[in-house]
């Protein structure tokens, strides 16, 4: 397992843009259809905007129509961690980076084959390399 990155809130605020900080560190969400990657077809590896850990390959990205970048699987089984999210009056599965604990988005069980999963990810929480 990766060694965790532990920074103070002040260190994260210096490192990240205000939008990245809100999403990655405060579990925020960008408005649908506004993120730079929601309709991107560019090839490469999507990494965590907080720490640079590889998270998703572009060949796992698909157009879900939900307004956020969507992937049917992470780059490997250790890149993403999950936890139950009961905020906003609903029960969902939150996903975050396993290295820096940055909030990425949520995973739903309505995706395409081969996994049937839809990782719905905020553009501001990732970078395309």
Foldseek 3Di string as FASTA:
>chain_A
DAAADDDDLVVQPVLAPPVQCCCFVVVDADDAQPAPPLPDQDFAFKAFSRPGHTWAGSVQWDNPVRRAIKGLGTPDPQQKDWDWDCPPNDTFIWIAGNHHRTTFGGKDQCDDPPRSIIGGGHNSRIDGD
